[in-house]
Amino acid sequence: RSFILPRSSSSTPSTTLKYPTTTNNPSPCSPPPSISTLSTNNKQSLILSASNDKNEIDKNNKDKFSFYQRIESTKTALLGLLSGGILSTPFIAYHDLPLNNGVAQWEFDTDMGSLESALFAIVYRYCVREEDDNDMLNMGVVGAFVITRTLSRIQVPSYCTAVPLDCGDPLGYFDYDMIQQLFLNGLESVAMFGGAALAMEYAYSKKWIGKFPN
C-alpha cells in the first residue's frame, strides 16, 4: 500500500543571510602599507636629506672663516709662490748675474720674490671676489704690487747729493743708472705679479681654486 503525502500550497520560506557592511574606518588588523608606498617615502626622505646636506656644504663654502676657505688660501699661496717665482727667475738673473756675487744675489732675490708672489696671490683672491667682473680691478691690484716693489728696490748712487736730491742727468732726481734700475725691477715685478695673476685666473677657470665669497 502506498501513501501520498500532501503538498503544501505555500513555498518554503528562504533564509536570507546578512553580512556586516564594511566601513572606511581603519581596523587594528588592517594590512601594512604596500612596498611601493614605503619605497616612495624612502626616496623622498633621501632626496630631502641630500638637499639638506648640499645646502650645508654650500653654507660652509660661503663662510669666510671656515676651514674650506683656509684650504683655498693655502692652495692660493702655493700657486702664487711657484708661478711668480718661476716666471720672474730669468728676469732676475738678467739683472743680478752681471753684478759682483751675482749668483748669490740672484738666489736671494728669487727666493724673496717667490714669497712676495705667494702673499700677492692671497691678496689677489681677497680683492677679486665672486661675481666681480671688473678688469680694471684686476689690473689695479697687479699694478699696486708692481709699483710698490719696483720703487722699493731703487738704490741711490753714492754720488747723489741730498736735500734736495740731485743725481745728475737727465732728470736730476733720477739719473741714467736709477732709470735703468726702474726698468729692470719693473720688468721683474710685472713678470712676478702678472704671472701669478694669470695663474690665479687659470686656476679659477679650471675650478682648482674657488674665488673668495662676497
N, C-alpha and C. Protein backbone atom coordinates (compact mmCIF):
# COMPACT_ATOMS: atom_id res chain seq x y z
N ARG A 1 0.87 -1.18 0.00
CA ARG A 1 0.00 0.00 0.00
C ARG A 1 0.89 1.20 0.00
N SER A 2 0.56 2.16 -0.77
CA SER A 2 1.37 3.38 -0.89
C SER A 2 0.65 4.55 -0.29
N PHE A 3 1.48 5.46 0.26
CA PHE A 3 0.91 6.66 0.89
C PHE A 3 1.45 7.87 0.17
N ILE A 4 0.59 8.81 -0.09
CA ILE A 4 0.97 10.05 -0.78
C ILE A 4 0.84 11.18 0.20
N LEU A 5 1.94 11.86 0.41
CA LEU A 5 1.92 12.97 1.35
C LEU A 5 1.40 14.21 0.67
N PRO A 6 0.59 14.95 1.32
CA PRO A 6 0.03 16.18 0.71
C PRO A 6 1.09 17.27 0.59
N ARG A 7 1.06 17.92 -0.58
CA ARG A 7 1.98 19.03 -0.84
C ARG A 7 1.47 20.30 -0.19
N SER A 8 2.38 21.05 0.32
CA SER A 8 1.99 22.32 0.91
C SER A 8 1.76 23.33 -0.17
N SER A 9 0.76 24.11 0.00
CA SER A 9 0.41 25.12 -1.01
C SER A 9 1.38 26.29 -1.03
N SER A 10 1.98 26.54 0.10
CA SER A 10 2.93 27.68 0.15
C SER A 10 4.33 27.15 0.03
N SER A 11 5.20 27.92 -0.65
CA SER A 11 6.60 27.51 -0.83
C SER A 11 7.39 27.70 0.45
N THR A 12 8.41 26.94 0.56
CA THR A 12 9.24 27.00 1.75
C THR A 12 9.93 28.35 1.83
N PRO A 13 9.79 29.04 2.94
CA PRO A 13 10.43 30.38 3.02
C PRO A 13 11.95 30.26 2.97
N SER A 14 12.56 31.20 2.18
CA SER A 14 14.04 31.21 2.02
C SER A 14 14.69 31.98 3.17
N THR A 15 15.79 31.48 3.54
CA THR A 15 16.53 32.13 4.62
C THR A 15 17.56 33.08 4.04
N THR A 16 17.56 34.34 4.46
CA THR A 16 18.49 35.36 3.94
C THR A 16 19.57 35.61 4.98
N LEU A 17 20.83 35.45 4.55
CA LEU A 17 21.97 35.68 5.44
C LEU A 17 22.45 37.12 5.29
N LYS A 18 22.56 37.80 6.35
CA LYS A 18 23.01 39.19 6.35
C LYS A 18 24.43 39.26 6.85
N TYR A 19 25.33 39.93 6.04
CA TYR A 19 26.74 40.09 6.41
C TYR A 19 26.99 41.53 6.83
N PRO A 20 27.84 41.73 7.76
CA PRO A 20 28.11 43.13 8.18
C PRO A 20 28.78 43.92 7.08
N THR A 21 28.34 45.12 6.92
CA THR A 21 28.91 46.00 5.88
C THR A 21 30.24 46.57 6.36
N THR A 22 31.14 46.78 5.38
CA THR A 22 32.48 47.33 5.70
C THR A 22 32.41 48.85 5.71
N THR A 23 33.26 49.44 6.51
CA THR A 23 33.34 50.90 6.61
C THR A 23 34.74 51.34 6.24
N ASN A 24 34.91 52.63 6.10
CA ASN A 24 36.20 53.21 5.75
C ASN A 24 37.12 53.39 6.94
N ASN A 25 36.60 53.17 8.13
CA ASN A 25 37.44 53.35 9.31
C ASN A 25 38.49 52.26 9.37
N PRO A 26 39.77 52.64 9.60
CA PRO A 26 40.81 51.63 9.63
C PRO A 26 40.63 50.71 10.82
N SER A 27 40.98 49.50 10.58
CA SER A 27 40.88 48.48 11.62
C SER A 27 42.24 48.21 12.20
N PRO A 28 42.30 47.84 13.47
CA PRO A 28 43.61 47.49 14.04
C PRO A 28 44.27 46.35 13.30
N CYS A 29 43.49 45.57 12.61
CA CYS A 29 44.05 44.42 11.89
C CYS A 29 44.21 44.70 10.41
N SER A 30 44.17 46.00 10.02
CA SER A 30 44.31 46.33 8.60
C SER A 30 45.70 45.99 8.13
N PRO A 31 45.87 45.64 6.85
CA PRO A 31 47.19 45.23 6.33
C PRO A 31 48.16 46.39 6.31
N PRO A 32 49.49 46.15 6.40
CA PRO A 32 50.50 47.21 6.37
C PRO A 32 50.58 47.87 5.02
N PRO A 33 51.21 49.06 4.95
CA PRO A 33 51.34 49.74 3.65
C PRO A 33 52.10 48.86 2.66
N SER A 34 51.79 49.10 1.40
CA SER A 34 52.44 48.30 0.36
C SER A 34 53.91 48.66 0.23
N ILE A 35 54.67 47.79 -0.43
CA ILE A 35 56.11 48.01 -0.64
C ILE A 35 56.35 49.25 -1.48
N SER A 36 55.51 49.49 -2.48
CA SER A 36 55.69 50.66 -3.34
C SER A 36 55.53 51.96 -2.56
N THR A 37 54.60 51.97 -1.59
CA THR A 37 54.41 53.17 -0.77
C THR A 37 55.63 53.44 0.09
N LEU A 38 56.18 52.37 0.70
CA LEU A 38 57.39 52.53 1.51
C LEU A 38 58.55 53.01 0.66
N SER A 39 58.68 52.48 -0.56
CA SER A 39 59.78 52.88 -1.44
C SER A 39 59.69 54.35 -1.80
N THR A 40 58.48 54.84 -2.07
CA THR A 40 58.30 56.26 -2.41
C THR A 40 58.67 57.16 -1.24
N ASN A 41 58.23 56.74 -0.04
CA ASN A 41 58.56 57.54 1.14
C ASN A 41 60.07 57.58 1.39
N ASN A 42 60.74 56.45 1.19
CA ASN A 42 62.19 56.40 1.38
C ASN A 42 62.91 57.30 0.38
N LYS A 43 62.43 57.29 -0.87
CA LYS A 43 63.05 58.14 -1.88
C LYS A 43 62.90 59.61 -1.52
N GLN A 44 61.72 59.98 -1.07
CA GLN A 44 61.51 61.38 -0.69
C GLN A 44 62.40 61.77 0.49
N SER A 45 62.57 60.84 1.44
CA SER A 45 63.44 61.14 2.59
C SER A 45 64.88 61.29 2.15
N LEU A 46 65.33 60.44 1.21
CA LEU A 46 66.70 60.54 0.73
C LEU A 46 66.93 61.84 -0.03
N ILE A 47 65.94 62.24 -0.83
CA ILE A 47 66.07 63.49 -1.59
C ILE A 47 66.16 64.68 -0.66
N LEU A 48 65.31 64.70 0.38
CA LEU A 48 65.35 65.81 1.34
C LEU A 48 66.67 65.81 2.11
N SER A 49 67.17 64.62 2.47
CA SER A 49 68.43 64.54 3.19
C SER A 49 69.59 65.03 2.33
N ALA A 50 69.60 64.62 1.05
CA ALA A 50 70.67 65.07 0.14
C ALA A 50 70.61 66.57 -0.08
N SER A 51 69.38 67.11 -0.18
CA SER A 51 69.24 68.55 -0.37
C SER A 51 69.75 69.31 0.84
N ASN A 52 69.44 68.81 2.03
CA ASN A 52 69.92 69.47 3.25
C ASN A 52 71.44 69.40 3.35
N ASP A 53 72.02 68.25 2.98
CA ASP A 53 73.48 68.12 3.01
C ASP A 53 74.14 69.08 2.03
N LYS A 54 73.55 69.22 0.83
CA LYS A 54 74.12 70.14 -0.16
C LYS A 54 74.04 71.58 0.32
N ASN A 55 72.92 71.95 0.93
CA ASN A 55 72.79 73.30 1.46
C ASN A 55 73.80 73.56 2.56
N GLU A 56 74.06 72.54 3.38
CA GLU A 56 75.02 72.69 4.47
C GLU A 56 76.43 72.87 3.91
N ILE A 57 76.77 72.11 2.85
CA ILE A 57 78.09 72.24 2.23
C ILE A 57 78.25 73.62 1.60
N ASP A 58 77.21 74.08 0.88
CA ASP A 58 77.27 75.41 0.27
C ASP A 58 77.43 76.50 1.33
N LYS A 59 76.75 76.31 2.46
CA LYS A 59 76.86 77.30 3.54
C LYS A 59 78.27 77.34 4.09
N ASN A 60 78.88 76.17 4.26
CA ASN A 60 80.25 76.11 4.77
C ASN A 60 81.23 76.72 3.77
N ASN A 61 81.00 76.49 2.48
CA ASN A 61 81.89 77.05 1.46
C ASN A 61 81.78 78.56 1.38
N LYS A 62 80.60 79.11 1.68
CA LYS A 62 80.40 80.55 1.64
C LYS A 62 80.89 81.23 2.91
N ASP A 63 81.08 80.47 3.96
CA ASP A 63 81.54 81.05 5.21
C ASP A 63 82.98 81.53 5.05
N LYS A 64 83.20 82.82 5.32
CA LYS A 64 84.52 83.41 5.08
C LYS A 64 85.57 82.95 6.07
N PHE A 65 85.16 82.32 7.15
CA PHE A 65 86.12 81.90 8.16
C PHE A 65 86.09 80.38 8.38
N SER A 66 85.62 79.65 7.38
CA SER A 66 85.52 78.20 7.50
C SER A 66 86.86 77.55 7.18
N PHE A 67 86.95 76.27 7.51
CA PHE A 67 88.16 75.50 7.21
C PHE A 67 88.37 75.38 5.70
N TYR A 68 87.27 75.35 4.95
CA TYR A 68 87.36 75.30 3.49
C TYR A 68 88.11 76.51 2.94
N GLN A 69 87.81 77.70 3.46
CA GLN A 69 88.48 78.90 2.99
C GLN A 69 89.97 78.89 3.35
N ARG A 70 90.33 78.29 4.47
CA ARG A 70 91.75 78.19 4.82
C ARG A 70 92.49 77.27 3.83
N ILE A 71 91.83 76.20 3.43
CA ILE A 71 92.44 75.31 2.43
C ILE A 71 92.62 76.04 1.11
N GLU A 72 91.62 76.81 0.70
CA GLU A 72 91.72 77.56 -0.55
C GLU A 72 92.83 78.60 -0.48
N SER A 73 93.00 79.25 0.66
CA SER A 73 94.08 80.23 0.81
C SER A 73 95.45 79.55 0.74
N THR A 74 95.55 78.36 1.31
CA THR A 74 96.81 77.62 1.25
C THR A 74 97.15 77.25 -0.19
N LYS A 75 96.16 76.78 -0.94
CA LYS A 75 96.40 76.46 -2.35
C LYS A 75 96.76 77.71 -3.14
N THR A 76 96.12 78.82 -2.81
CA THR A 76 96.42 80.08 -3.49
C THR A 76 97.86 80.51 -3.25
N ALA A 77 98.32 80.44 -2.00
CA ALA A 77 99.69 80.83 -1.68
C ALA A 77 100.70 79.93 -2.39
N LEU A 78 100.42 78.64 -2.45
CA LEU A 78 101.33 77.72 -3.12
C LEU A 78 101.39 78.00 -4.62
N LEU A 79 100.24 78.27 -5.22
CA LEU A 79 100.22 78.59 -6.64
C LEU A 79 100.97 79.89 -6.93
N GLY A 80 100.75 80.91 -6.11
CA GLY A 80 101.46 82.17 -6.30
C GLY A 80 102.96 82.02 -6.13
N LEU A 81 103.38 81.25 -5.13
CA LEU A 81 104.81 81.05 -4.88
C LEU A 81 105.49 80.40 -6.08
N LEU A 82 104.88 79.36 -6.65
CA LEU A 82 105.50 78.64 -7.76
C LEU A 82 105.46 79.46 -9.05
N SER A 83 104.28 80.00 -9.37
CA SER A 83 104.14 80.71 -10.66
C SER A 83 104.95 81.99 -10.68
N GLY A 84 104.85 82.81 -9.63
CA GLY A 84 105.60 84.06 -9.60
C GLY A 84 107.10 83.84 -9.56
N GLY A 85 107.55 82.87 -8.76
CA GLY A 85 108.98 82.60 -8.67
C GLY A 85 109.56 82.09 -9.97
N ILE A 86 108.86 81.16 -10.62
CA ILE A 86 109.38 80.57 -11.87
C ILE A 86 109.40 81.59 -13.00
N LEU A 87 108.32 82.38 -13.16
CA LEU A 87 108.23 83.32 -14.27
C LEU A 87 109.19 84.49 -14.12
N SER A 88 109.52 84.86 -12.90
CA SER A 88 110.42 86.01 -12.71
C SER A 88 111.89 85.62 -12.66
N THR A 89 112.19 84.33 -12.55
CA THR A 89 113.58 83.90 -12.41
C THR A 89 114.49 84.37 -13.53
N PRO A 90 114.12 84.21 -14.81
CA PRO A 90 115.04 84.66 -15.87
C PRO A 90 115.29 86.17 -15.86
N PHE A 91 114.29 86.97 -15.51
CA PHE A 91 114.47 88.42 -15.48
C PHE A 91 115.34 88.84 -14.29
N ILE A 92 115.17 88.15 -13.17
CA ILE A 92 116.04 88.43 -12.02
C ILE A 92 117.48 88.05 -12.32
N ALA A 93 117.65 86.94 -13.05
CA ALA A 93 119.00 86.51 -13.42
C ALA A 93 119.66 87.54 -14.34
N TYR A 94 118.90 88.07 -15.29
CA TYR A 94 119.45 89.08 -16.20
C TYR A 94 119.90 90.32 -15.44
N HIS A 95 119.20 90.64 -14.36
CA HIS A 95 119.51 91.82 -13.57
C HIS A 95 120.68 91.57 -12.61
N ASP A 96 120.72 90.38 -11.98
CA ASP A 96 121.66 90.15 -10.89
C ASP A 96 122.98 89.51 -11.30
N LEU A 97 122.96 88.64 -12.30
CA LEU A 97 124.18 87.88 -12.61
C LEU A 97 125.36 88.74 -13.03
N PRO A 98 125.16 89.86 -13.74
CA PRO A 98 126.34 90.69 -14.07
C PRO A 98 126.99 91.37 -12.87
N LEU A 99 126.31 91.41 -11.73
CA LEU A 99 126.85 92.09 -10.55
C LEU A 99 127.87 91.22 -9.84
N ASN A 100 128.66 91.84 -8.97
CA ASN A 100 129.56 91.06 -8.11
C ASN A 100 128.73 90.19 -7.17
N ASN A 101 129.18 88.95 -7.01
CA ASN A 101 128.43 87.97 -6.20
C ASN A 101 127.01 87.80 -6.74
N GLY A 102 126.91 87.81 -8.08
CA GLY A 102 125.61 87.82 -8.74
C GLY A 102 124.78 86.58 -8.50
N VAL A 103 125.42 85.40 -8.44
CA VAL A 103 124.66 84.15 -8.27
C VAL A 103 123.96 84.11 -6.91
N ALA A 104 124.67 84.51 -5.87
CA ALA A 104 124.07 84.53 -4.54
C ALA A 104 122.94 85.56 -4.47
N GLN A 105 123.16 86.72 -5.10
CA GLN A 105 122.10 87.75 -5.11
C GLN A 105 120.90 87.26 -5.90
N TRP A 106 121.15 86.58 -7.02
CA TRP A 106 120.05 86.04 -7.83
C TRP A 106 119.24 85.01 -7.04
N GLU A 107 119.92 84.14 -6.29
CA GLU A 107 119.21 83.15 -5.48
C GLU A 107 118.36 83.83 -4.41
N PHE A 108 118.95 84.81 -3.76
CA PHE A 108 118.21 85.50 -2.69
C PHE A 108 117.00 86.23 -3.26
N ASP A 109 117.18 86.96 -4.36
CA ASP A 109 116.08 87.72 -4.94
C ASP A 109 114.98 86.79 -5.46
N THR A 110 115.35 85.63 -5.98
CA THR A 110 114.35 84.67 -6.45
C THR A 110 113.54 84.10 -5.29
N ASP A 111 114.21 83.78 -4.21
CA ASP A 111 113.50 83.26 -3.03
C ASP A 111 112.55 84.30 -2.45
N MET A 112 113.05 85.53 -2.31
CA MET A 112 112.19 86.58 -1.76
C MET A 112 111.05 86.91 -2.72
N GLY A 113 111.34 86.86 -4.01
CA GLY A 113 110.28 87.12 -4.98
C GLY A 113 109.19 86.05 -4.93
N SER A 114 109.56 84.81 -4.67
CA SER A 114 108.56 83.74 -4.55
C SER A 114 107.65 83.98 -3.35
N LEU A 115 108.24 84.40 -2.24
CA LEU A 115 107.42 84.72 -1.07
C LEU A 115 106.50 85.90 -1.34
N GLU A 116 107.01 86.91 -2.01
CA GLU A 116 106.19 88.07 -2.36
C GLU A 116 105.03 87.65 -3.26
N SER A 117 105.28 86.74 -4.18
CA SER A 117 104.22 86.26 -5.08
C SER A 117 103.15 85.48 -4.33
N ALA A 118 103.58 84.71 -3.32
CA ALA A 118 102.61 83.97 -2.51
C ALA A 118 101.67 84.93 -1.77
N LEU A 119 102.25 85.97 -1.17
CA LEU A 119 101.42 86.96 -0.48
C LEU A 119 100.53 87.72 -1.46
N PHE A 120 101.06 88.02 -2.63
CA PHE A 120 100.26 88.70 -3.64
C PHE A 120 99.06 87.85 -4.04
N ALA A 121 99.26 86.56 -4.24
CA ALA A 121 98.16 85.69 -4.67
C ALA A 121 97.04 85.67 -3.63
N ILE A 122 97.39 85.64 -2.35
CA ILE A 122 96.37 85.65 -1.30
C ILE A 122 95.58 86.96 -1.33
N VAL A 123 96.30 88.09 -1.44
CA VAL A 123 95.63 89.39 -1.51
C VAL A 123 94.78 89.48 -2.77
N TYR A 124 95.27 88.96 -3.88
CA TYR A 124 94.52 88.99 -5.14
C TYR A 124 93.20 88.24 -5.00
N ARG A 125 93.24 87.10 -4.33
CA ARG A 125 92.00 86.33 -4.14
C ARG A 125 91.01 87.07 -3.26
N TYR A 126 91.49 87.77 -2.24
CA TYR A 126 90.61 88.52 -1.37
C TYR A 126 90.02 89.75 -2.07
N CYS A 127 90.78 90.32 -3.00
CA CYS A 127 90.31 91.54 -3.70
C CYS A 127 89.37 91.20 -4.86
N VAL A 128 89.75 90.24 -5.68
CA VAL A 128 88.95 89.85 -6.85
C VAL A 128 88.05 88.70 -6.42
N ARG A 129 86.82 89.00 -6.03
CA ARG A 129 85.95 88.01 -5.41
C ARG A 129 84.91 87.49 -6.39
N GLU A 130 84.02 86.64 -5.86
CA GLU A 130 82.95 86.09 -6.69
C GLU A 130 82.08 87.20 -7.27
N GLU A 131 81.68 86.97 -8.51
CA GLU A 131 80.79 87.89 -9.24
C GLU A 131 81.44 89.22 -9.53
N ASP A 132 82.75 89.34 -9.32
CA ASP A 132 83.47 90.55 -9.72
C ASP A 132 83.98 90.37 -11.14
N ASP A 133 83.46 91.15 -12.06
CA ASP A 133 83.86 91.07 -13.46
C ASP A 133 84.37 92.44 -13.90
N ASN A 134 85.42 92.89 -13.24
CA ASN A 134 85.97 94.21 -13.49
C ASN A 134 87.46 94.07 -13.79
N ASP A 135 87.83 94.21 -15.05
CA ASP A 135 89.24 94.06 -15.43
C ASP A 135 90.10 95.15 -14.81
N MET A 136 89.53 96.32 -14.60
CA MET A 136 90.30 97.41 -14.01
C MET A 136 90.70 97.07 -12.57
N LEU A 137 89.83 96.35 -11.86
CA LEU A 137 90.17 95.93 -10.50
C LEU A 137 91.34 94.95 -10.52
N ASN A 138 91.30 94.01 -11.44
CA ASN A 138 92.40 93.04 -11.56
C ASN A 138 93.71 93.75 -11.84
N MET A 139 93.70 94.64 -12.83
CA MET A 139 94.93 95.35 -13.19
C MET A 139 95.38 96.29 -12.07
N GLY A 140 94.41 96.84 -11.34
CA GLY A 140 94.77 97.74 -10.24
C GLY A 140 95.51 97.02 -9.14
N VAL A 141 95.09 95.79 -8.82
CA VAL A 141 95.78 95.02 -7.78
C VAL A 141 97.19 94.68 -8.23
N VAL A 142 97.32 94.23 -9.48
CA VAL A 142 98.66 93.90 -10.01
C VAL A 142 99.54 95.14 -10.05
N GLY A 143 98.98 96.25 -10.55
CA GLY A 143 99.77 97.47 -10.66
C GLY A 143 100.24 98.00 -9.32
N ALA A 144 99.42 97.89 -8.29
CA ALA A 144 99.82 98.36 -6.97
C ALA A 144 101.04 97.59 -6.46
N PHE A 145 101.06 96.28 -6.65
CA PHE A 145 102.20 95.48 -6.21
C PHE A 145 103.43 95.75 -7.07
N VAL A 146 103.23 95.92 -8.37
CA VAL A 146 104.37 96.18 -9.26
C VAL A 146 105.04 97.50 -8.90
N ILE A 147 104.26 98.55 -8.73
CA ILE A 147 104.84 99.87 -8.42
C ILE A 147 105.52 99.85 -7.06
N THR A 148 104.89 99.22 -6.07
CA THR A 148 105.48 99.19 -4.73
C THR A 148 106.81 98.48 -4.72
N ARG A 149 106.88 97.31 -5.35
CA ARG A 149 108.14 96.56 -5.36
C ARG A 149 109.20 97.27 -6.17
N THR A 150 108.81 97.83 -7.32
CA THR A 150 109.80 98.47 -8.19
C THR A 150 110.45 99.66 -7.49
N LEU A 151 109.65 100.53 -6.91
CA LEU A 151 110.21 101.72 -6.28
C LEU A 151 111.03 101.38 -5.04
N SER A 152 110.64 100.34 -4.32
CA SER A 152 111.36 100.00 -3.09
C SER A 152 112.74 99.40 -3.35
N ARG A 153 113.00 98.97 -4.58
CA ARG A 153 114.29 98.33 -4.89
C ARG A 153 115.29 99.28 -5.55
N ILE A 154 114.93 100.54 -5.70
CA ILE A 154 115.85 101.50 -6.30
C ILE A 154 116.95 101.86 -5.29
N GLN A 155 118.18 101.78 -5.73
CA GLN A 155 119.33 102.16 -4.91
C GLN A 155 119.89 103.50 -5.41
N VAL A 156 119.98 104.45 -4.51
CA VAL A 156 120.51 105.77 -4.88
C VAL A 156 122.04 105.68 -4.98
N PRO A 157 122.62 106.11 -6.09
CA PRO A 157 124.08 106.07 -6.22
C PRO A 157 124.78 106.92 -5.17
N SER A 158 126.01 106.58 -4.89
CA SER A 158 126.77 107.27 -3.84
C SER A 158 127.12 108.70 -4.21
N TYR A 159 127.10 109.05 -5.48
CA TYR A 159 127.47 110.39 -5.90
C TYR A 159 126.31 111.38 -5.84
N CYS A 160 125.12 110.93 -5.47
CA CYS A 160 123.97 111.85 -5.40
C CYS A 160 124.10 112.75 -4.17
N THR A 161 123.61 113.96 -4.30
CA THR A 161 123.58 114.89 -3.17
C THR A 161 122.16 114.99 -2.63
N ALA A 162 122.06 115.29 -1.33
CA ALA A 162 120.75 115.29 -0.68
C ALA A 162 120.24 116.70 -0.41
N VAL A 163 118.96 116.79 -0.19
CA VAL A 163 118.22 118.00 0.24
C VAL A 163 118.56 119.22 -0.62
N PRO A 164 118.03 119.34 -1.81
CA PRO A 164 117.20 118.35 -2.49
C PRO A 164 118.05 117.28 -3.18
N LEU A 165 117.44 116.13 -3.41
CA LEU A 165 118.15 115.02 -4.05
C LEU A 165 118.50 115.39 -5.48
N ASP A 166 119.79 115.24 -5.81
CA ASP A 166 120.27 115.55 -7.16
C ASP A 166 121.30 114.49 -7.54
N CYS A 167 120.93 113.74 -8.60
CA CYS A 167 121.82 112.67 -9.06
C CYS A 167 122.38 112.94 -10.44
N GLY A 168 122.05 114.06 -11.03
CA GLY A 168 122.61 114.39 -12.33
C GLY A 168 121.64 114.14 -13.46
N ASP A 169 122.20 114.13 -14.66
CA ASP A 169 121.39 113.97 -15.88
C ASP A 169 120.76 112.57 -15.90
N PRO A 170 119.58 112.46 -16.53
CA PRO A 170 118.90 113.51 -17.30
C PRO A 170 117.83 114.26 -16.52
N LEU A 171 117.39 113.76 -15.37
CA LEU A 171 116.27 114.37 -14.67
C LEU A 171 116.65 115.01 -13.35
N GLY A 172 117.87 114.89 -12.95
CA GLY A 172 118.28 115.44 -11.67
C GLY A 172 117.93 114.48 -10.53
N TYR A 173 116.63 114.28 -10.32
CA TYR A 173 116.21 113.34 -9.26
C TYR A 173 116.52 111.90 -9.66
N PHE A 174 116.40 111.60 -10.92
CA PHE A 174 116.74 110.28 -11.46
C PHE A 174 117.82 110.45 -12.51
N ASP A 175 118.93 109.72 -12.33
CA ASP A 175 119.94 109.71 -13.38
C ASP A 175 119.76 108.43 -14.20
N TYR A 176 120.69 108.21 -15.14
CA TYR A 176 120.54 107.06 -16.04
C TYR A 176 120.63 105.73 -15.28
N ASP A 177 121.45 105.67 -14.28
CA ASP A 177 121.56 104.45 -13.50
C ASP A 177 120.25 104.13 -12.78
N MET A 178 119.62 105.11 -12.21
CA MET A 178 118.37 104.89 -11.50
C MET A 178 117.23 104.55 -12.46
N ILE A 179 117.25 105.15 -13.64
CA ILE A 179 116.24 104.83 -14.66
C ILE A 179 116.39 103.38 -15.11
N GLN A 180 117.64 102.92 -15.25
CA GLN A 180 117.88 101.54 -15.61
C GLN A 180 117.36 100.59 -14.51
N GLN A 181 117.58 100.97 -13.26
CA GLN A 181 117.06 100.17 -12.16
C GLN A 181 115.52 100.11 -12.20
N LEU A 182 114.90 101.25 -12.49
CA LEU A 182 113.45 101.26 -12.60
C LEU A 182 112.96 100.28 -13.67
N PHE A 183 113.64 100.28 -14.80
CA PHE A 183 113.23 99.42 -15.91
C PHE A 183 113.39 97.94 -15.55
N LEU A 184 114.56 97.57 -15.02
CA LEU A 184 114.84 96.17 -14.73
C LEU A 184 113.96 95.65 -13.59
N ASN A 185 113.84 96.43 -12.53
CA ASN A 185 113.00 96.00 -11.42
C ASN A 185 111.52 95.98 -11.79
N GLY A 186 111.12 96.92 -12.63
CA GLY A 186 109.74 96.90 -13.11
C GLY A 186 109.45 95.67 -13.96
N LEU A 187 110.42 95.28 -14.80
CA LEU A 187 110.26 94.09 -15.62
C LEU A 187 110.12 92.85 -14.75
N GLU A 188 110.95 92.76 -13.73
CA GLU A 188 110.86 91.63 -12.79
C GLU A 188 109.48 91.59 -12.12
N SER A 189 109.03 92.74 -11.67
CA SER A 189 107.77 92.80 -10.92
C SER A 189 106.57 92.46 -11.80
N VAL A 190 106.59 92.93 -13.04
CA VAL A 190 105.49 92.60 -13.96
C VAL A 190 105.43 91.10 -14.21
N ALA A 191 106.61 90.49 -14.45
CA ALA A 191 106.64 89.04 -14.66
C ALA A 191 106.19 88.29 -13.42
N MET A 192 106.61 88.78 -12.26
CA MET A 192 106.30 88.09 -11.00
C MET A 192 104.81 88.16 -10.66
N PHE A 193 104.29 89.37 -10.55
CA PHE A 193 102.90 89.53 -10.11
C PHE A 193 101.90 89.33 -11.25
N GLY A 194 102.27 89.75 -12.44
CA GLY A 194 101.39 89.50 -13.58
C GLY A 194 101.25 88.01 -13.86
N GLY A 195 102.40 87.28 -13.77
CA GLY A 195 102.34 85.84 -13.97
C GLY A 195 101.51 85.14 -12.91
N ALA A 196 101.64 85.58 -11.67
CA ALA A 196 100.85 84.99 -10.59
C ALA A 196 99.36 85.27 -10.79
N ALA A 197 99.01 86.47 -11.25
CA ALA A 197 97.60 86.79 -11.50
C ALA A 197 97.04 85.94 -12.64
N LEU A 198 97.82 85.73 -13.71
CA LEU A 198 97.36 84.87 -14.81
C LEU A 198 97.17 83.43 -14.33
N ALA A 199 98.08 82.96 -13.49
CA ALA A 199 97.94 81.61 -12.95
C ALA A 199 96.68 81.49 -12.08
N MET A 200 96.38 82.53 -11.32
CA MET A 200 95.17 82.52 -10.49
C MET A 200 93.91 82.48 -11.36
N GLU A 201 93.87 83.27 -12.41
CA GLU A 201 92.70 83.28 -13.28
C GLU A 201 92.53 81.93 -13.98
N TYR A 202 93.63 81.32 -14.36
CA TYR A 202 93.55 79.99 -14.98
C TYR A 202 93.03 78.96 -13.98
N ALA A 203 93.49 79.04 -12.74
CA ALA A 203 93.00 78.12 -11.71
C ALA A 203 91.52 78.34 -11.42
N TYR A 204 91.07 79.60 -11.47
CA TYR A 204 89.65 79.88 -11.32
C TYR A 204 88.83 79.22 -12.44
N SER A 205 89.31 79.35 -13.66
CA SER A 205 88.57 78.81 -14.80
C SER A 205 88.49 77.29 -14.76
N LYS A 206 89.49 76.64 -14.19
CA LYS A 206 89.51 75.18 -14.09
C LYS A 206 88.88 74.68 -12.78
N LYS A 207 88.40 75.60 -11.95
CA LYS A 207 87.79 75.25 -10.66
C LYS A 207 88.77 74.57 -9.70
N TRP A 208 90.08 74.82 -9.90
CA TRP A 208 91.07 74.28 -8.97
C TRP A 208 91.06 75.07 -7.67
N ILE A 209 90.76 76.35 -7.77
CA ILE A 209 90.67 77.24 -6.62
C ILE A 209 89.38 78.03 -6.73
N GLY A 210 88.67 78.15 -5.63
CA GLY A 210 87.44 78.91 -5.61
C GLY A 210 87.67 80.36 -5.23
N LYS A 211 86.93 81.24 -5.86
CA LYS A 211 87.03 82.66 -5.53
C LYS A 211 86.50 82.91 -4.13
N PHE A 212 87.02 83.97 -3.52
CA PHE A 212 86.57 84.33 -2.18
C PHE A 212 85.17 84.89 -2.26
N PRO A 213 84.25 84.49 -1.36
CA PRO A 213 82.86 84.97 -1.45
C PRO A 213 82.73 86.43 -1.07
N ASN A 214 81.71 87.07 -1.64
CA ASN A 214 81.43 88.48 -1.33
C ASN A 214 80.83 88.61 0.08
